[in-house]
Amino acid sequence: MKSTKDIAVLLDEPACEHNKKEKSGCAKPKPGASAGGCAFDGAQIALLPIADVAHIVHGPIACAGSSWDNRGTRSSGASLYRIGMTTDLTEQDIVMGRSEKRLFHA
């Protein structure tokens, strides 16, 4: 593991006369913080632990498909938790105002 002094040397930019700022690195994640970074991922963290319910994603299929089985869903026996359901919204649905119709038929 590198010492604080070694890290400070890596973050320094002495070659640029006009730039006296330090390089910014990635912030260390805080415990309990979302790894995804979008509002949908945060909603999944809060809702998927609720057992024995059908979670319907009212959004694009890619949002549900890319992250559905990464969060631990719970079940007391039924396999409903393994099925990801989405209304599969597209740009056209949102622009043309058809999103509520898709939600109704879901």
PDB file of N, CA and C in Angstrom:
ATOM      1  N   MET A   1       0.846  -1.178   0.000  1.00  0.00           N
ATOM      2  CA  MET A   1       0.000   0.000   0.000  1.00  0.00           C
ATOM      3  C   MET A   1       0.890   1.240   0.000  1.00  0.00           C
ATOM      4  N   LYS A   2       0.495   2.219  -0.783  1.00  0.00           N
ATOM      5  CA  LYS A   2       1.286   3.444  -0.896  1.00  0.00           C
ATOM      6  C   LYS A   2       1.054   4.340   0.309  1.00  0.00           C
ATOM      7  N   SER A   3       2.094   5.069   0.657  1.00  0.00           N
ATOM      8  CA  SER A   3       1.976   6.007   1.772  1.00  0.00           C
ATOM      9  C   SER A   3       1.295   7.291   1.299  1.00  0.00           C
ATOM     10  N   THR A   4       0.885   8.116   2.240  1.00  0.00           N
ATOM     11  CA  THR A   4       0.236   9.387   1.931  1.00  0.00           C
ATOM     12  C   THR A   4       1.157  10.283   1.118  1.00  0.00           C
ATOM     13  N   LYS A   5       2.455  10.240   1.409  1.00  0.00           N
ATOM     14  CA  LYS A   5       3.424  11.059   0.682  1.00  0.00           C
ATOM     15  C   LYS A   5       3.513  10.623  -0.782  1.00  0.00           C
ATOM     16  N   ASP A   6       3.525   9.316  -1.024  1.00  0.00           N
ATOM     17  CA  ASP A   6       3.572   8.802  -2.394  1.00  0.00           C
ATOM     18  C   ASP A   6       2.330   9.214  -3.179  1.00  0.00           C
ATOM     19  N   ILE A   7       1.191   9.170  -2.540  1.00  0.00           N
ATOM     20  CA  ILE A   7      -0.063   9.553  -3.191  1.00  0.00           C
ATOM     21  C   ILE A   7      -0.067  11.047  -3.501  1.00  0.00           C
ATOM     22  N   ALA A   8       0.440  11.863  -2.589  1.00  0.00           N
ATOM     23  CA  ALA A   8       0.499  13.310  -2.814  1.00  0.00           C
ATOM     24  C   ALA A   8       1.359  13.633  -4.030  1.00  0.00           C
ATOM     25  N   VAL A   9       2.449  12.900  -4.224  1.00  0.00           N
ATOM     26  CA  VAL A   9       3.316  13.115  -5.385  1.00  0.00           C
ATOM     27  C   VAL A   9       2.559  12.782  -6.673  1.00  0.00           C
ATOM     28  N   LEU A  10       1.764  11.728  -6.656  1.00  0.00           N
ATOM     29  CA  LEU A  10       0.995  11.345  -7.834  1.00  0.00           C
ATOM     30  C   LEU A  10      -0.074  12.375  -8.186  1.00  0.00           C
ATOM     31  N   LEU A  11      -0.627  13.044  -7.190  1.00  0.00           N
ATOM     32  CA  LEU A  11      -1.692  14.014  -7.418  1.00  0.00           C
ATOM     33  C   LEU A  11      -1.180  15.402  -7.782  1.00  0.00           C
ATOM     34  N   ASP A  12       0.098  15.636  -7.672  1.00  0.00           N
ATOM     35  CA  ASP A  12       0.666  16.956  -7.948  1.00  0.00           C
ATOM     36  C   ASP A  12       0.930  17.115  -9.447  1.00  0.00           C
ATOM     37  N   GLU A  13       0.681  18.309  -9.988  1.00  0.00           N
ATOM     38  CA  GLU A  13       0.942  18.615 -11.399  1.00  0.00           C
ATOM     39  C   GLU A  13       1.936  19.770 -11.509  1.00  0.00           C
ATOM     40  N   PRO A  14       3.197  19.562 -11.226  1.00  0.00           N
ATOM     41  CA  PRO A  14       4.141  20.675 -11.251  1.00  0.00           C
ATOM     42  C   PRO A  14       4.519  21.126 -12.659  1.00  0.00           C
ATOM     43  N   ALA A  15       4.256  20.322 -13.689  1.00  0.00           N
ATOM     44  CA  ALA A  15       4.688  20.667 -15.042  1.00  0.00           C
ATOM     45  C   ALA A  15       3.928  21.849 -15.630  1.00  0.00           C
ATOM     46  N   CYS A  16       2.735  22.099 -15.167  1.00  0.00           N
ATOM     47  CA  CYS A  16       1.934  23.198 -15.715  1.00  0.00           C
ATOM     48  C   CYS A  16       2.078  24.424 -14.830  1.00  0.00           C
ATOM     49  N   GLU A  17       2.615  25.508 -15.393  1.00  0.00           N
ATOM     50  CA  GLU A  17       2.765  26.756 -14.640  1.00  0.00           C
ATOM     51  C   GLU A  17       1.416  27.390 -14.331  1.00  0.00           C
ATOM     52  N   HIS A  18       0.488  27.306 -15.296  1.00  0.00           N
ATOM     53  CA  HIS A  18      -0.803  27.968 -15.132  1.00  0.00           C
ATOM     54  C   HIS A  18      -1.807  27.135 -14.324  1.00  0.00           C
ATOM     55  N   ASN A  19      -1.503  25.887 -14.087  1.00  0.00           N
ATOM     56  CA  ASN A  19      -2.444  25.018 -13.388  1.00  0.00           C
ATOM     57  C   ASN A  19      -1.866  24.622 -12.040  1.00  0.00           C
ATOM     58  N   LYS A  20      -2.362  25.216 -10.989  1.00  0.00           N
ATOM     59  CA  LYS A  20      -1.875  24.901  -9.648  1.00  0.00           C
ATOM     60  C   LYS A  20      -2.832  23.973  -8.895  1.00  0.00           C
ATOM     61  N   LYS A  21      -3.888  23.521  -9.581  1.00  0.00           N
ATOM     62  CA  LYS A  21      -4.845  22.620  -8.933  1.00  0.00           C
ATOM     63  C   LYS A  21      -4.260  21.221  -8.832  1.00  0.00           C
ATOM     64  N   GLU A  22      -4.754  20.482  -7.863  1.00  0.00           N
ATOM     65  CA  GLU A  22      -4.374  19.081  -7.761  1.00  0.00           C
ATOM     66  C   GLU A  22      -5.284  18.266  -8.665  1.00  0.00           C
ATOM     67  N   LYS A  23      -4.784  17.148  -9.133  1.00  0.00           N
ATOM     68  CA  LYS A  23      -5.615  16.248  -9.923  1.00  0.00           C
ATOM     69  C   LYS A  23      -6.729  15.717  -9.025  1.00  0.00           C
ATOM     70  N   SER A  24      -7.876  15.542  -9.607  1.00  0.00           N
ATOM     71  CA  SER A  24      -8.963  14.965  -8.811  1.00  0.00           C
ATOM     72  C   SER A  24      -9.052  13.478  -9.123  1.00  0.00           C
ATOM     73  N   GLY A  25      -9.132  12.701  -8.111  1.00  0.00           N
ATOM     74  CA  GLY A  25      -9.285  11.265  -8.275  1.00  0.00           C
ATOM     75  C   GLY A  25     -10.713  10.865  -7.956  1.00  0.00           C
ATOM     76  N   CYS A  26     -11.011   9.617  -8.125  1.00  0.00           N
ATOM     77  CA  CYS A  26     -12.348   9.120  -7.791  1.00  0.00           C
ATOM     78  C   CYS A  26     -12.518   9.135  -6.279  1.00  0.00           C
ATOM     79  N   ALA A  27     -13.657   9.613  -5.854  1.00  0.00           N
ATOM     80  CA  ALA A  27     -13.934   9.646  -4.422  1.00  0.00           C
ATOM     81  C   ALA A  27     -14.119   8.225  -3.903  1.00  0.00           C
ATOM     82  N   LYS A  28     -13.674   8.002  -2.706  1.00  0.00           N
ATOM     83  CA  LYS A  28     -13.841   6.703  -2.082  1.00  0.00           C
ATOM     84  C   LYS A  28     -15.329   6.496  -1.797  1.00  0.00           C
ATOM     85  N   PRO A  29     -15.912   5.359  -2.206  1.00  0.00           N
ATOM     86  CA  PRO A  29     -17.339   5.167  -1.970  1.00  0.00           C
ATOM     87  C   PRO A  29     -17.666   5.106  -0.483  1.00  0.00           C
ATOM     88  N   LYS A  30     -18.790   5.682  -0.139  1.00  0.00           N
ATOM     89  CA  LYS A  30     -19.233   5.655   1.251  1.00  0.00           C
ATOM     90  C   LYS A  30     -20.019   4.373   1.505  1.00  0.00           C
ATOM     91  N   PRO A  31     -19.952   3.811   2.695  1.00  0.00           N
ATOM     92  CA  PRO A  31     -20.706   2.589   2.988  1.00  0.00           C
ATOM     93  C   PRO A  31     -22.194   2.797   2.740  1.00  0.00           C
ATOM     94  N   GLY A  32     -22.809   1.858   2.023  1.00  0.00           N
ATOM     95  CA  GLY A  32     -24.229   1.937   1.726  1.00  0.00           C
ATOM     96  C   GLY A  32     -24.561   2.727   0.487  1.00  0.00           C
ATOM     97  N   ALA A  33     -23.558   3.332  -0.139  1.00  0.00           N
ATOM     98  CA  ALA A  33     -23.809   4.130  -1.338  1.00  0.00           C
ATOM     99  C   ALA A  33     -24.045   3.213  -2.532  1.00  0.00           C
ATOM    100  N   SER A  34     -24.788   3.695  -3.470  1.00  0.00           N
ATOM    101  CA  SER A  34     -25.097   2.935  -4.674  1.00  0.00           C
ATOM    102  C   SER A  34     -23.867   2.847  -5.563  1.00  0.00           C
ATOM    103  N   ALA A  35     -23.668   1.698  -6.164  1.00  0.00           N
ATOM    104  CA  ALA A  35     -22.554   1.539  -7.082  1.00  0.00           C
ATOM    105  C   ALA A  35     -22.924   1.975  -8.490  1.00  0.00           C
ATOM    106  N   GLY A  36     -24.211   2.050  -8.791  1.00  0.00           N
ATOM    107  CA  GLY A  36     -24.657   2.362 -10.146  1.00  0.00           C
ATOM    108  C   GLY A  36     -24.604   3.826 -10.488  1.00  0.00           C
ATOM    109  N   GLY A  37     -25.152   4.652  -9.657  1.00  0.00           N
ATOM    110  CA  GLY A  37     -25.071   6.079  -9.888  1.00  0.00           C
ATOM    111  C   GLY A  37     -26.279   6.709 -10.535  1.00  0.00           C
ATOM    112  N   CYS A  38     -27.354   5.965 -10.782  1.00  0.00           N
ATOM    113  CA  CYS A  38     -28.555   6.591 -11.336  1.00  0.00           C
ATOM    114  C   CYS A  38     -29.702   6.444 -10.338  1.00  0.00           C
ATOM    115  N   ALA A  39     -30.740   7.217 -10.547  1.00  0.00           N
ATOM    116  CA  ALA A  39     -31.886   7.187  -9.636  1.00  0.00           C
ATOM    117  C   ALA A  39     -32.561   5.820  -9.639  1.00  0.00           C
ATOM    118  N   PHE A  40     -32.598   5.179 -10.790  1.00  0.00           N
ATOM    119  CA  PHE A  40     -33.215   3.854 -10.876  1.00  0.00           C
ATOM    120  C   PHE A  40     -32.481   2.845 -10.009  1.00  0.00           C
ATOM    121  N   ASP A  41     -31.162   2.893 -10.022  1.00  0.00           N
ATOM    122  CA  ASP A  41     -30.378   1.973  -9.207  1.00  0.00           C
ATOM    123  C   ASP A  41     -30.666   2.196  -7.725  1.00  0.00           C
ATOM    124  N   GLY A  42     -30.795   3.447  -7.323  1.00  0.00           N
ATOM    125  CA  GLY A  42     -31.146   3.742  -5.940  1.00  0.00           C
ATOM    126  C   GLY A  42     -32.517   3.211  -5.575  1.00  0.00           C
ATOM    127  N   ALA A  43     -33.466   3.307  -6.508  1.00  0.00           N
ATOM    128  CA  ALA A  43     -34.805   2.771  -6.263  1.00  0.00           C
ATOM    129  C   ALA A  43     -34.758   1.258  -6.118  1.00  0.00           C
ATOM    130  N   GLN A  44     -33.939   0.605  -6.905  1.00  0.00           N
ATOM    131  CA  GLN A  44     -33.810  -0.849  -6.790  1.00  0.00           C
ATOM    132  C   GLN A  44     -33.239  -1.245  -5.436  1.00  0.00           C
ATOM    133  N   ILE A  45     -32.268  -0.510  -4.968  1.00  0.00           N
ATOM    134  CA  ILE A  45     -31.675  -0.815  -3.665  1.00  0.00           C
ATOM    135  C   ILE A  45     -32.738  -0.759  -2.578  1.00  0.00           C
ATOM    136  N   ALA A  46     -33.652   0.210  -2.689  1.00  0.00           N
ATOM    137  CA  ALA A  46     -34.689   0.369  -1.673  1.00  0.00           C
ATOM    138  C   ALA A  46     -35.833  -0.630  -1.827  1.00  0.00           C
ATOM    139  N   LEU A  47     -36.208  -0.962  -3.049  1.00  0.00           N
ATOM    140  CA  LEU A  47     -37.423  -1.743  -3.267  1.00  0.00           C
ATOM    141  C   LEU A  47     -37.225  -3.243  -3.448  1.00  0.00           C
ATOM    142  N   LEU A  48     -36.144  -3.683  -4.065  1.00  0.00           N
ATOM    143  CA  LEU A  48     -35.999  -5.105  -4.348  1.00  0.00           C
ATOM    144  C   LEU A  48     -35.928  -6.001  -3.110  1.00  0.00           C
ATOM    145  N   PRO A  49     -35.457  -5.534  -1.973  1.00  0.00           N
ATOM    146  CA  PRO A  49     -35.504  -6.407  -0.794  1.00  0.00           C
ATOM    147  C   PRO A  49     -36.924  -6.706  -0.291  1.00  0.00           C
ATOM    148  N   ILE A  50     -37.939  -5.989  -0.780  1.00  0.00           N
ATOM    149  CA  ILE A  50     -39.315  -6.280  -0.380  1.00  0.00           C
ATOM    150  C   ILE A  50     -39.718  -7.598  -1.032  1.00  0.00           C
ATOM    151  N   ALA A  51     -40.093  -8.572  -0.217  1.00  0.00           N
ATOM    152  CA  ALA A  51     -40.324  -9.938  -0.684  1.00  0.00           C
ATOM    153  C   ALA A  51     -41.725 -10.149  -1.235  1.00  0.00           C
ATOM    154  N   ASP A  52     -41.828 -11.123  -2.131  1.00  0.00           N
ATOM    155  CA  ASP A  52     -43.091 -11.641  -2.657  1.00  0.00           C
ATOM    156  C   ASP A  52     -43.966 -10.587  -3.313  1.00  0.00           C
ATOM    157  N   VAL A  53     -43.378  -9.716  -4.090  1.00  0.00           N
ATOM    158  CA  VAL A  53     -44.132  -8.718  -4.850  1.00  0.00           C
ATOM    159  C   VAL A  53     -43.623  -8.712  -6.290  1.00  0.00           C
ATOM    160  N   ALA A  54     -44.447  -8.210  -7.187  1.00  0.00           N
ATOM    161  CA  ALA A  54     -44.041  -8.052  -8.582  1.00  0.00           C
ATOM    162  C   ALA A  54     -43.516  -6.636  -8.767  1.00  0.00           C
ATOM    163  N   HIS A  55     -42.247  -6.512  -9.035  1.00  0.00           N
ATOM    164  CA  HIS A  55     -41.647  -5.204  -9.286  1.00  0.00           C
ATOM    165  C   HIS A  55     -41.751  -4.921 -10.781  1.00  0.00           C
ATOM    166  N   ILE A  56     -42.550  -3.929 -11.157  1.00  0.00           N
ATOM    167  CA  ILE A  56     -42.704  -3.556 -12.560  1.00  0.00           C
ATOM    168  C   ILE A  56     -41.938  -2.259 -12.797  1.00  0.00           C
ATOM    169  N   VAL A  57     -40.986  -2.310 -13.714  1.00  0.00           N
ATOM    170  CA  VAL A  57     -40.183  -1.138 -14.048  1.00  0.00           C
ATOM    171  C   VAL A  57     -40.904  -0.367 -15.152  1.00  0.00           C
ATOM    172  N   HIS A  58     -41.325   0.846 -14.846  1.00  0.00           N
ATOM    173  CA  HIS A  58     -42.000   1.692 -15.838  1.00  0.00           C
ATOM    174  C   HIS A  58     -40.933   2.532 -16.525  1.00  0.00           C
ATOM    175  N   GLY A  59     -40.235   1.905 -17.463  1.00  0.00           N
ATOM    176  CA  GLY A  59     -39.136   2.557 -18.148  1.00  0.00           C
ATOM    177  C   GLY A  59     -38.598   1.673 -19.257  1.00  0.00           C
ATOM    178  N   PRO A  60     -37.468   2.049 -19.851  1.00  0.00           N
ATOM    179  CA  PRO A  60     -36.867   1.265 -20.932  1.00  0.00           C
ATOM    180  C   PRO A  60     -36.438  -0.119 -20.452  1.00  0.00           C
ATOM    181  N   ILE A  61     -36.472  -1.073 -21.363  1.00  0.00           N
ATOM    182  CA  ILE A  61     -36.116  -2.439 -21.006  1.00  0.00           C
ATOM    183  C   ILE A  61     -34.640  -2.548 -20.603  1.00  0.00           C
ATOM    184  N   ALA A  62     -33.794  -1.686 -21.150  1.00  0.00           N
ATOM    185  CA  ALA A  62     -32.365  -1.741 -20.823  1.00  0.00           C
ATOM    186  C   ALA A  62     -32.114  -1.428 -19.352  1.00  0.00           C
ATOM    187  N   CYS A  63     -32.921  -0.561 -18.770  1.00  0.00           N
ATOM    188  CA  CYS A  63     -32.736  -0.234 -17.354  1.00  0.00           C
ATOM    189  C   CYS A  63     -32.963  -1.462 -16.485  1.00  0.00           C
ATOM    190  N   ALA A  64     -34.003  -2.211 -16.786  1.00  0.00           N
ATOM    191  CA  ALA A  64     -34.289  -3.402 -15.994  1.00  0.00           C
ATOM    192  C   ALA A  64     -33.354  -4.545 -16.371  1.00  0.00           C
ATOM    193  N   GLY A  65     -33.087  -4.695 -17.659  1.00  0.00           N
ATOM    194  CA  GLY A  65     -32.291  -5.819 -18.119  1.00  0.00           C
ATOM    195  C   GLY A  65     -30.849  -5.780 -17.674  1.00  0.00           C
ATOM    196  N   SER A  66     -30.293  -4.604 -17.583  1.00  0.00           N
ATOM    197  CA  SER A  66     -28.881  -4.489 -17.235  1.00  0.00           C
ATOM    198  C   SER A  66     -28.606  -4.729 -15.760  1.00  0.00           C
ATOM    199  N   SER A  67     -29.614  -4.577 -14.929  1.00  0.00           N
ATOM    200  CA  SER A  67     -29.325  -4.641 -13.498  1.00  0.00           C
ATOM    201  C   SER A  67     -30.305  -5.483 -12.693  1.00  0.00           C
ATOM    202  N   TRP A  68     -31.203  -6.191 -13.328  1.00  0.00           N
ATOM    203  CA  TRP A  68     -32.272  -6.860 -12.586  1.00  0.00           C
ATOM    204  C   TRP A  68     -31.746  -7.880 -11.589  1.00  0.00           C
ATOM    205  N   ASP A  69     -30.903  -8.777 -12.021  1.00  0.00           N
ATOM    206  CA  ASP A  69     -30.498  -9.873 -11.135  1.00  0.00           C
ATOM    207  C   ASP A  69     -29.253  -9.542 -10.318  1.00  0.00           C
ATOM    208  N   ASN A  70     -28.793  -8.304 -10.358  1.00  0.00           N
ATOM    209  CA  ASN A  70     -27.622  -7.920  -9.577  1.00  0.00           C
ATOM    210  C   ASN A  70     -27.960  -7.598  -8.135  1.00  0.00           C
ATOM    211  N   ARG A  71     -29.183  -7.214  -7.876  1.00  0.00           N
ATOM    212  CA  ARG A  71     -29.625  -6.876  -6.525  1.00  0.00           C
ATOM    213  C   ARG A  71     -30.370  -8.068  -5.957  1.00  0.00           C
ATOM    214  N   GLY A  72     -30.174  -8.359  -4.703  1.00  0.00           N
ATOM    215  CA  GLY A  72     -30.792  -9.527  -4.091  1.00  0.00           C
ATOM    216  C   GLY A  72     -32.275  -9.348  -3.834  1.00  0.00           C
ATOM    217  N   THR A  73     -33.117  -9.925  -4.697  1.00  0.00           N
ATOM    218  CA  THR A  73     -34.545  -9.910  -4.439  1.00  0.00           C
ATOM    219  C   THR A  73     -34.881 -11.073  -3.521  1.00  0.00           C
ATOM    220  N   ARG A  74     -35.965 -10.964  -2.804  1.00  0.00           N
ATOM    221  CA  ARG A  74     -36.322 -11.971  -1.807  1.00  0.00           C
ATOM    222  C   ARG A  74     -37.629 -12.660  -2.194  1.00  0.00           C
ATOM    223  N   SER A  75     -37.789 -13.877  -1.725  1.00  0.00           N
ATOM    224  CA  SER A  75     -39.017 -14.611  -1.953  1.00  0.00           C
ATOM    225  C   SER A  75     -39.158 -15.685  -0.887  1.00  0.00           C
ATOM    226  N   SER A  76     -40.403 -15.999  -0.555  1.00  0.00           N
ATOM    227  CA  SER A  76     -40.639 -17.057   0.428  1.00  0.00           C
ATOM    228  C   SER A  76     -40.979 -18.370  -0.260  1.00  0.00           C
ATOM    229  N   GLY A  77     -40.765 -18.446  -1.545  1.00  0.00           N
ATOM    230  CA  GLY A  77     -41.009 -19.711  -2.222  1.00  0.00           C
ATOM    231  C   GLY A  77     -41.326 -19.570  -3.698  1.00  0.00           C
ATOM    232  N   ALA A  78     -42.169 -18.631  -4.052  1.00  0.00           N
ATOM    233  CA  ALA A  78     -42.531 -18.472  -5.468  1.00  0.00           C
ATOM    234  C   ALA A  78     -41.334 -17.972  -6.274  1.00  0.00           C
ATOM    235  N   SER A  79     -41.343 -18.256  -7.564  1.00  0.00           N
ATOM    236  CA  SER A  79     -40.222 -17.819  -8.404  1.00  0.00           C
ATOM    237  C   SER A  79     -40.487 -16.468  -9.056  1.00  0.00           C
ATOM    238  N   LEU A  80     -41.469 -15.730  -8.568  1.00  0.00           N
ATOM    239  CA  LEU A  80     -41.807 -14.424  -9.121  1.00  0.00           C
ATOM    240  C   LEU A  80     -40.624 -13.462  -9.056  1.00  0.00           C
ATOM    241  N   TYR A  81     -39.792 -13.609  -8.032  1.00  0.00           N
ATOM    242  CA  TYR A  81     -38.659 -12.692  -7.868  1.00  0.00           C
ATOM    243  C   TYR A  81     -37.635 -12.829  -8.987  1.00  0.00           C
ATOM    244  N   ARG A  82     -37.644 -13.937  -9.722  1.00  0.00           N
ATOM    245  CA  ARG A  82     -36.684 -14.153 -10.806  1.00  0.00           C
ATOM    246  C   ARG A  82     -37.118 -13.493 -12.113  1.00  0.00           C
ATOM    247  N   ILE A  83     -38.367 -13.031 -12.173  1.00  0.00           N
ATOM    248  CA  ILE A  83     -38.904 -12.473 -13.408  1.00  0.00           C
ATOM    249  C   ILE A  83     -38.838 -10.951 -13.359  1.00  0.00           C
ATOM    250  N   GLY A  84     -38.129 -10.357 -14.292  1.00  0.00           N
ATOM    251  CA  GLY A  84     -38.069  -8.903 -14.383  1.00  0.00           C
ATOM    252  C   GLY A  84     -39.159  -8.405 -15.324  1.00  0.00           C
ATOM    253  N   MET A  85     -40.008  -7.521 -14.842  1.00  0.00           N
ATOM    254  CA  MET A  85     -41.109  -7.008 -15.662  1.00  0.00           C
ATOM    255  C   MET A  85     -40.893  -5.528 -15.944  1.00  0.00           C
ATOM    256  N   THR A  86     -41.153  -5.138 -17.183  1.00  0.00           N
ATOM    257  CA  THR A  86     -40.963  -3.752 -17.584  1.00  0.00           C
ATOM    258  C   THR A  86     -42.032  -3.343 -18.590  1.00  0.00           C
ATOM    259  N   THR A  87     -42.343  -2.063 -18.641  1.00  0.00           N
ATOM    260  CA  THR A  87     -43.281  -1.555 -19.643  1.00  0.00           C
ATOM    261  C   THR A  87     -42.569  -1.249 -20.954  1.00  0.00           C
ATOM    262  N   ASP A  88     -41.254  -1.361 -20.983  1.00  0.00           N
ATOM    263  CA  ASP A  88     -40.434  -1.181 -22.184  1.00  0.00           C
ATOM    264  C   ASP A  88     -40.731   0.131 -22.905  1.00  0.00           C
ATOM    265  N   LEU A  89     -40.595   1.224 -22.182  1.00  0.00           N
ATOM    266  CA  LEU A  89     -40.820   2.537 -22.787  1.00  0.00           C
ATOM    267  C   LEU A  89     -39.743   2.852 -23.816  1.00  0.00           C
ATOM    268  N   THR A  90     -40.147   3.516 -24.879  1.00  0.00           N
ATOM    269  CA  THR A  90     -39.205   3.996 -25.885  1.00  0.00           C
ATOM    270  C   THR A  90     -39.273   5.520 -25.917  1.00  0.00           C
ATOM    271  N   GLU A  91     -38.391   6.121 -26.679  1.00  0.00           N
ATOM    272  CA  GLU A  91     -38.426   7.581 -26.818  1.00  0.00           C
ATOM    273  C   GLU A  91     -39.763   8.035 -27.400  1.00  0.00           C
ATOM    274  N   GLN A  92     -40.291   7.271 -28.351  1.00  0.00           N
ATOM    275  CA  GLN A  92     -41.568   7.622 -28.976  1.00  0.00           C
ATOM    276  C   GLN A  92     -42.708   7.604 -27.958  1.00  0.00           C
ATOM    277  N   ASP A  93     -42.700   6.639 -27.059  1.00  0.00           N
ATOM    278  CA  ASP A  93     -43.753   6.563 -26.043  1.00  0.00           C
ATOM    279  C   ASP A  93     -43.753   7.803 -25.169  1.00  0.00           C
ATOM    280  N   ILE A  94     -42.591   8.264 -24.834  1.00  0.00           N
ATOM    281  CA  ILE A  94     -42.487   9.429 -23.952  1.00  0.00           C
ATOM    282  C   ILE A  94     -42.857  10.704 -24.698  1.00  0.00           C
ATOM    283  N   VAL A  95     -42.326  10.874 -25.912  1.00  0.00           N
ATOM    284  CA  VAL A  95     -42.595  12.081 -26.690  1.00  0.00           C
ATOM    285  C   VAL A  95     -44.068  12.165 -27.087  1.00  0.00           C
ATOM    286  N   MET A  96     -44.646  11.039 -27.494  1.00  0.00           N
ATOM    287  CA  MET A  96     -46.027  11.034 -27.979  1.00  0.00           C
ATOM    288  C   MET A  96     -47.049  10.862 -26.854  1.00  0.00           C
ATOM    289  N   GLY A  97     -46.604  10.717 -25.623  1.00  0.00           N
ATOM    290  CA  GLY A  97     -47.521  10.631 -24.495  1.00  0.00           C
ATOM    291  C   GLY A  97     -48.195   9.282 -24.324  1.00  0.00           C
ATOM    292  N   ARG A  98     -47.537   8.210 -24.756  1.00  0.00           N
ATOM    293  CA  ARG A  98     -48.145   6.882 -24.644  1.00  0.00           C
ATOM    294  C   ARG A  98     -47.662   6.105 -23.435  1.00  0.00           C
ATOM    295  N   SER A  99     -46.904   6.724 -22.562  1.00  0.00           N
ATOM    296  CA  SER A  99     -46.312   5.968 -21.456  1.00  0.00           C
ATOM    297  C   SER A  99     -47.361   5.463 -20.472  1.00  0.00           C
ATOM    298  N   GLU A 100     -48.381   6.243 -20.200  1.00  0.00           N
ATOM    299  CA  GLU A 100     -49.402   5.807 -19.244  1.00  0.00           C
ATOM    300  C   GLU A 100     -50.218   4.644 -19.792  1.00  0.00           C
ATOM    301  N   LYS A 101     -50.428   4.612 -21.097  1.00  0.00           N
ATOM    302  CA  LYS A 101     -51.159   3.502 -21.703  1.00  0.00           C
ATOM    303  C   LYS A 101     -50.372   2.204 -21.532  1.00  0.00           C
ATOM    304  N   ARG A 102     -49.063   2.284 -21.707  1.00  0.00           N
ATOM    305  CA  ARG A 102     -48.227   1.092 -21.514  1.00  0.00           C
ATOM    306  C   ARG A 102     -48.271   0.616 -20.066  1.00  0.00           C
ATOM    307  N   LEU A 103     -48.259   1.545 -19.134  1.00  0.00           N
ATOM    308  CA  LEU A 103     -48.322   1.177 -17.722  1.00  0.00           C
ATOM    309  C   LEU A 103     -49.656   0.512 -17.411  1.00  0.00           C
ATOM    310  N   PHE A 104     -50.745   1.014 -17.968  1.00  0.00           N
ATOM    311  CA  PHE A 104     -52.069   0.441 -17.740  1.00  0.00           C
ATOM    312  C   PHE A 104     -52.126  -0.997 -18.243  1.00  0.00           C
ATOM    313  N   HIS A 105     -51.532  -1.269 -19.407  1.00  0.00           N
ATOM    314  CA  HIS A 105     -51.579  -2.610 -19.988  1.00  0.00           C
ATOM    315  C   HIS A 105     -50.553  -3.557 -19.371  1.00  0.00           C
ATOM    316  N   ALA A 106     -49.643  -3.041 -18.588  1.00  0.00           N
ATOM    317  CA  ALA A 106     -48.651  -3.905 -17.937  1.00  0.00           C
ATOM    318  C   ALA A 106     -49.338  -4.681 -16.841  1.00  0.00           C
TER     319      ALA A 106
END
